[in-house]
Amino acid sequence: MHIIRSKQFTAERAWGALPIANMNGVTTRLHWTDQAYQWHTNEGEEVFAVLDGQVEMHYRLDGEEHTTLLNTGDIFFASAGTAHVAHPIGVARVLVVEHEGSV
């Protein structure tokens, strides 16, 4: 049993993470950030839930770049191989569920 107050979580660096669970190779981590990540793709699916703040999510479909604004409570699903990068607007806290070892 563990209770996490996501709005109280901070990290020493952008995209610092608090590991929450590893369920048969699928990890759940809480991230704190105030800076953009990097363009990347994952071999598996990724679920990205904004718990606090706003995140501008950039992603590529068929070689074309798209952008969507994610507000608190919004969820982004990246299928395997989808190139994407998250740009927080100010400070954001994000719950990420993905295969263990993903970038």
N, C-alpha and C. Protein backbone atom coordinates (compact mmCIF):
# COMPACT_ATOMS: atom_id res chain seq x y z
N MET A 1 0.86 -1.17 0.00
CA MET A 1 0.00 0.00 0.00
C MET A 1 0.89 1.22 0.00
N HIS A 2 0.60 2.15 -0.92
CA HIS A 2 1.38 3.38 -1.00
C HIS A 2 0.47 4.47 -1.57
N ILE A 3 0.46 5.61 -0.93
CA ILE A 3 -0.32 6.75 -1.42
C ILE A 3 0.65 7.81 -1.89
N ILE A 4 0.42 8.32 -3.08
CA ILE A 4 1.30 9.33 -3.66
C ILE A 4 0.49 10.59 -3.91
N ARG A 5 0.97 11.68 -3.39
CA ARG A 5 0.34 13.00 -3.61
C ARG A 5 1.09 13.64 -4.78
N SER A 6 0.59 13.44 -5.99
CA SER A 6 1.33 13.84 -7.18
C SER A 6 1.66 15.33 -7.22
N LYS A 7 0.79 16.19 -6.72
CA LYS A 7 1.05 17.62 -6.77
C LYS A 7 2.19 18.03 -5.85
N GLN A 8 2.58 17.17 -4.92
CA GLN A 8 3.68 17.47 -4.01
C GLN A 8 5.02 16.94 -4.53
N PHE A 9 4.99 16.14 -5.57
CA PHE A 9 6.21 15.52 -6.09
C PHE A 9 7.03 16.52 -6.91
N THR A 10 8.31 16.61 -6.60
CA THR A 10 9.27 17.37 -7.40
C THR A 10 10.50 16.50 -7.60
N ALA A 11 11.31 16.88 -8.54
CA ALA A 11 12.54 16.14 -8.82
C ALA A 11 13.70 17.13 -8.92
N GLU A 12 14.90 16.61 -8.84
CA GLU A 12 16.10 17.45 -8.90
C GLU A 12 16.41 17.90 -10.32
N ARG A 13 15.82 17.22 -11.31
CA ARG A 13 16.09 17.57 -12.70
C ARG A 13 14.81 17.34 -13.51
N ALA A 14 14.79 17.95 -14.68
CA ALA A 14 13.64 17.76 -15.57
C ALA A 14 13.48 16.29 -15.91
N TRP A 15 12.28 15.81 -15.91
CA TRP A 15 11.89 14.44 -16.20
C TRP A 15 12.38 13.44 -15.14
N GLY A 16 12.75 13.98 -13.96
CA GLY A 16 13.05 13.08 -12.85
C GLY A 16 11.80 12.27 -12.54
N ALA A 17 12.01 11.03 -12.12
CA ALA A 17 10.87 10.12 -11.97
C ALA A 17 10.82 9.46 -10.60
N LEU A 18 9.61 9.20 -10.17
CA LEU A 18 9.33 8.40 -8.99
C LEU A 18 8.74 7.09 -9.48
N PRO A 19 9.48 5.98 -9.35
CA PRO A 19 8.91 4.69 -9.77
C PRO A 19 7.73 4.33 -8.85
N ILE A 20 6.64 3.94 -9.46
CA ILE A 20 5.45 3.57 -8.69
C ILE A 20 5.24 2.07 -8.71
N ALA A 21 5.30 1.47 -9.90
CA ALA A 21 5.05 0.03 -10.00
C ALA A 21 5.73 -0.55 -11.23
N ASN A 22 6.04 -1.84 -11.13
CA ASN A 22 6.50 -2.61 -12.28
C ASN A 22 5.65 -3.87 -12.28
N MET A 23 4.75 -3.96 -13.24
CA MET A 23 3.81 -5.06 -13.31
C MET A 23 4.12 -5.90 -14.54
N ASN A 24 4.86 -6.97 -14.30
CA ASN A 24 5.23 -7.89 -15.38
C ASN A 24 5.91 -7.17 -16.54
N GLY A 25 6.85 -6.27 -16.22
CA GLY A 25 7.62 -5.58 -17.25
C GLY A 25 6.99 -4.30 -17.77
N VAL A 26 5.86 -3.90 -17.22
CA VAL A 26 5.24 -2.63 -17.58
C VAL A 26 5.40 -1.70 -16.38
N THR A 27 6.08 -0.57 -16.61
CA THR A 27 6.37 0.34 -15.52
C THR A 27 5.39 1.50 -15.48
N THR A 28 5.15 1.98 -14.27
CA THR A 28 4.37 3.19 -14.04
C THR A 28 5.25 4.11 -13.22
N ARG A 29 5.48 5.32 -13.77
CA ARG A 29 6.33 6.29 -13.09
C ARG A 29 5.68 7.67 -13.13
N LEU A 30 5.90 8.42 -12.06
CA LEU A 30 5.46 9.80 -11.99
C LEU A 30 6.66 10.67 -12.31
N HIS A 31 6.49 11.56 -13.29
CA HIS A 31 7.57 12.45 -13.71
C HIS A 31 7.23 13.89 -13.35
N TRP A 32 8.24 14.64 -12.95
CA TRP A 32 8.14 16.08 -12.76
C TRP A 32 9.03 16.72 -13.81
N THR A 33 8.56 17.79 -14.44
CA THR A 33 9.40 18.46 -15.42
C THR A 33 9.00 19.91 -15.62
N ASP A 34 9.97 20.68 -16.05
CA ASP A 34 9.74 22.06 -16.46
C ASP A 34 10.45 22.34 -17.79
N GLN A 35 10.90 21.26 -18.44
CA GLN A 35 11.62 21.38 -19.71
C GLN A 35 11.15 20.29 -20.67
N ALA A 36 11.34 20.56 -21.96
CA ALA A 36 10.98 19.59 -22.99
C ALA A 36 11.84 18.33 -22.86
N TYR A 37 11.29 17.23 -23.33
CA TYR A 37 12.04 15.97 -23.36
C TYR A 37 12.83 15.94 -24.65
N GLN A 38 12.92 14.83 -25.31
CA GLN A 38 13.61 14.69 -26.59
C GLN A 38 12.73 13.86 -27.52
N TRP A 39 12.86 14.08 -28.82
CA TRP A 39 12.12 13.26 -29.77
C TRP A 39 12.56 11.82 -29.56
N HIS A 40 11.59 10.90 -29.51
CA HIS A 40 11.92 9.49 -29.35
C HIS A 40 10.76 8.62 -29.82
N THR A 41 11.05 7.36 -30.02
CA THR A 41 10.03 6.35 -30.30
C THR A 41 10.26 5.21 -29.32
N ASN A 42 9.20 4.53 -28.99
CA ASN A 42 9.28 3.37 -28.11
C ASN A 42 8.92 2.12 -28.90
N GLU A 43 9.55 1.00 -28.53
CA GLU A 43 9.22 -0.26 -29.19
C GLU A 43 7.82 -0.72 -28.85
N GLY A 44 7.34 -0.31 -27.67
CA GLY A 44 6.00 -0.68 -27.24
C GLY A 44 5.12 0.55 -27.09
N GLU A 45 3.92 0.34 -26.64
CA GLU A 45 2.98 1.43 -26.43
C GLU A 45 3.38 2.24 -25.20
N GLU A 46 2.87 3.47 -25.15
CA GLU A 46 3.11 4.35 -24.00
C GLU A 46 1.84 5.12 -23.71
N VAL A 47 1.49 5.19 -22.43
CA VAL A 47 0.36 5.99 -21.97
C VAL A 47 0.94 7.14 -21.14
N PHE A 48 0.48 8.33 -21.43
CA PHE A 48 1.03 9.55 -20.88
C PHE A 48 -0.14 10.35 -20.32
N ALA A 49 -0.28 10.44 -18.99
CA ALA A 49 -1.42 11.13 -18.38
C ALA A 49 -0.93 12.36 -17.63
N VAL A 50 -1.45 13.52 -17.98
CA VAL A 50 -1.07 14.77 -17.32
C VAL A 50 -1.86 14.87 -16.02
N LEU A 51 -1.13 14.86 -14.90
CA LEU A 51 -1.77 14.95 -13.59
C LEU A 51 -1.82 16.38 -13.07
N ASP A 52 -0.89 17.21 -13.54
CA ASP A 52 -0.82 18.60 -13.10
C ASP A 52 -0.12 19.43 -14.17
N GLY A 53 -0.68 20.55 -14.53
CA GLY A 53 -0.06 21.42 -15.52
C GLY A 53 -0.59 21.18 -16.92
N GLN A 54 0.18 21.67 -17.88
CA GLN A 54 -0.15 21.51 -19.30
C GLN A 54 1.09 21.04 -20.05
N VAL A 55 0.86 20.24 -21.08
CA VAL A 55 1.96 19.72 -21.90
C VAL A 55 1.55 19.83 -23.36
N GLU A 56 2.43 20.42 -24.14
CA GLU A 56 2.23 20.45 -25.59
C GLU A 56 2.92 19.20 -26.14
N MET A 57 2.14 18.29 -26.70
CA MET A 57 2.69 17.03 -27.21
C MET A 57 2.84 17.14 -28.73
N HIS A 58 4.05 16.91 -29.18
CA HIS A 58 4.35 16.88 -30.61
C HIS A 58 4.50 15.42 -31.00
N TYR A 59 3.94 15.04 -32.14
CA TYR A 59 4.06 13.66 -32.60
C TYR A 59 4.04 13.63 -34.12
N ARG A 60 4.54 12.56 -34.68
CA ARG A 60 4.60 12.42 -36.13
C ARG A 60 3.72 11.27 -36.58
N LEU A 61 2.91 11.55 -37.60
CA LEU A 61 2.10 10.53 -38.26
C LEU A 61 2.37 10.62 -39.75
N ASP A 62 2.76 9.51 -40.33
CA ASP A 62 3.07 9.46 -41.76
C ASP A 62 4.05 10.57 -42.17
N GLY A 63 5.05 10.82 -41.31
CA GLY A 63 6.09 11.79 -41.61
C GLY A 63 5.70 13.24 -41.38
N GLU A 64 4.47 13.49 -40.97
CA GLU A 64 3.99 14.85 -40.75
C GLU A 64 3.87 15.13 -39.26
N GLU A 65 4.39 16.28 -38.83
CA GLU A 65 4.35 16.64 -37.42
C GLU A 65 3.02 17.26 -37.04
N HIS A 66 2.50 16.84 -35.89
CA HIS A 66 1.25 17.36 -35.32
C HIS A 66 1.52 17.79 -33.88
N THR A 67 0.68 18.67 -33.37
CA THR A 67 0.81 19.13 -31.99
C THR A 67 -0.57 19.19 -31.36
N THR A 68 -0.64 18.79 -30.09
CA THR A 68 -1.89 18.91 -29.35
C THR A 68 -1.56 19.37 -27.93
N LEU A 69 -2.45 20.16 -27.35
CA LEU A 69 -2.28 20.63 -25.99
C LEU A 69 -2.99 19.68 -25.04
N LEU A 70 -2.23 19.16 -24.08
CA LEU A 70 -2.78 18.27 -23.06
C LEU A 70 -2.92 19.06 -21.76
N ASN A 71 -4.12 19.08 -21.21
CA ASN A 71 -4.40 19.74 -19.94
C ASN A 71 -4.45 18.69 -18.83
N THR A 72 -4.49 19.16 -17.60
CA THR A 72 -4.62 18.26 -16.46
C THR A 72 -5.81 17.33 -16.69
N GLY A 73 -5.55 16.04 -16.55
CA GLY A 73 -6.59 15.03 -16.76
C GLY A 73 -6.57 14.41 -18.14
N ASP A 74 -5.85 15.01 -19.08
CA ASP A 74 -5.79 14.48 -20.44
C ASP A 74 -4.78 13.33 -20.54
N ILE A 75 -5.04 12.42 -21.47
CA ILE A 75 -4.20 11.23 -21.67
C ILE A 75 -3.81 11.16 -23.14
N PHE A 76 -2.52 10.88 -23.37
CA PHE A 76 -1.99 10.69 -24.72
C PHE A 76 -1.53 9.24 -24.83
N PHE A 77 -1.97 8.55 -25.87
CA PHE A 77 -1.53 7.18 -26.13
C PHE A 77 -0.64 7.18 -27.36
N ALA A 78 0.58 6.70 -27.20
CA ALA A 78 1.50 6.58 -28.34
C ALA A 78 1.62 5.10 -28.68
N SER A 79 1.19 4.75 -29.87
CA SER A 79 1.35 3.35 -30.30
C SER A 79 2.83 3.08 -30.54
N ALA A 80 3.20 1.82 -30.59
CA ALA A 80 4.60 1.43 -30.79
C ALA A 80 5.13 2.10 -32.06
N GLY A 81 6.30 2.72 -31.94
CA GLY A 81 6.94 3.33 -33.09
C GLY A 81 6.51 4.75 -33.41
N THR A 82 5.60 5.32 -32.63
CA THR A 82 5.16 6.70 -32.86
C THR A 82 6.20 7.67 -32.30
N ALA A 83 6.81 8.49 -33.16
CA ALA A 83 7.77 9.50 -32.70
C ALA A 83 7.00 10.61 -31.99
N HIS A 84 7.50 11.01 -30.81
CA HIS A 84 6.83 12.06 -30.05
C HIS A 84 7.81 12.75 -29.11
N VAL A 85 7.41 13.95 -28.67
CA VAL A 85 8.19 14.71 -27.69
C VAL A 85 7.22 15.59 -26.91
N ALA A 86 7.43 15.66 -25.60
CA ALA A 86 6.57 16.44 -24.72
C ALA A 86 7.25 17.76 -24.33
N HIS A 87 6.50 18.86 -24.45
CA HIS A 87 6.97 20.19 -24.05
C HIS A 87 6.03 20.72 -22.97
N PRO A 88 6.44 20.70 -21.70
CA PRO A 88 5.56 21.26 -20.67
C PRO A 88 5.47 22.77 -20.81
N ILE A 89 4.35 23.29 -20.40
CA ILE A 89 4.17 24.74 -20.33
C ILE A 89 4.26 25.08 -18.86
N GLY A 90 5.42 25.55 -18.44
CA GLY A 90 5.69 25.73 -17.01
C GLY A 90 6.03 24.38 -16.40
N VAL A 91 5.57 24.14 -15.20
CA VAL A 91 5.82 22.88 -14.50
C VAL A 91 4.68 21.91 -14.77
N ALA A 92 5.03 20.65 -14.98
CA ALA A 92 4.01 19.60 -15.19
C ALA A 92 4.40 18.34 -14.44
N ARG A 93 3.39 17.60 -14.06
CA ARG A 93 3.57 16.28 -13.46
C ARG A 93 2.81 15.30 -14.34
N VAL A 94 3.52 14.26 -14.75
CA VAL A 94 2.98 13.35 -15.76
C VAL A 94 3.16 11.92 -15.29
N LEU A 95 2.11 11.12 -15.41
CA LEU A 95 2.17 9.70 -15.12
C LEU A 95 2.41 8.98 -16.44
N VAL A 96 3.47 8.17 -16.49
CA VAL A 96 3.84 7.46 -17.72
C VAL A 96 3.80 5.96 -17.46
N VAL A 97 3.09 5.24 -18.32
CA VAL A 97 3.00 3.79 -18.26
C VAL A 97 3.60 3.27 -19.56
N GLU A 98 4.65 2.44 -19.44
CA GLU A 98 5.34 1.93 -20.63
C GLU A 98 6.11 0.67 -20.28
N HIS A 99 6.63 0.01 -21.32
CA HIS A 99 7.43 -1.18 -21.11
C HIS A 99 8.72 -0.81 -20.38
N GLU A 100 9.13 -1.66 -19.47
CA GLU A 100 10.37 -1.46 -18.75
C GLU A 100 11.54 -1.24 -19.71
N GLY A 101 12.38 -0.25 -19.41
CA GLY A 101 13.54 0.03 -20.26
C GLY A 101 13.27 0.99 -21.39
N SER A 102 12.02 1.46 -21.54
CA SER A 102 11.72 2.43 -22.60
C SER A 102 12.39 3.77 -22.27
N VAL A 103 12.60 4.56 -23.31
CA VAL A 103 13.24 5.87 -23.13
C VAL A 103 12.26 6.85 -22.53
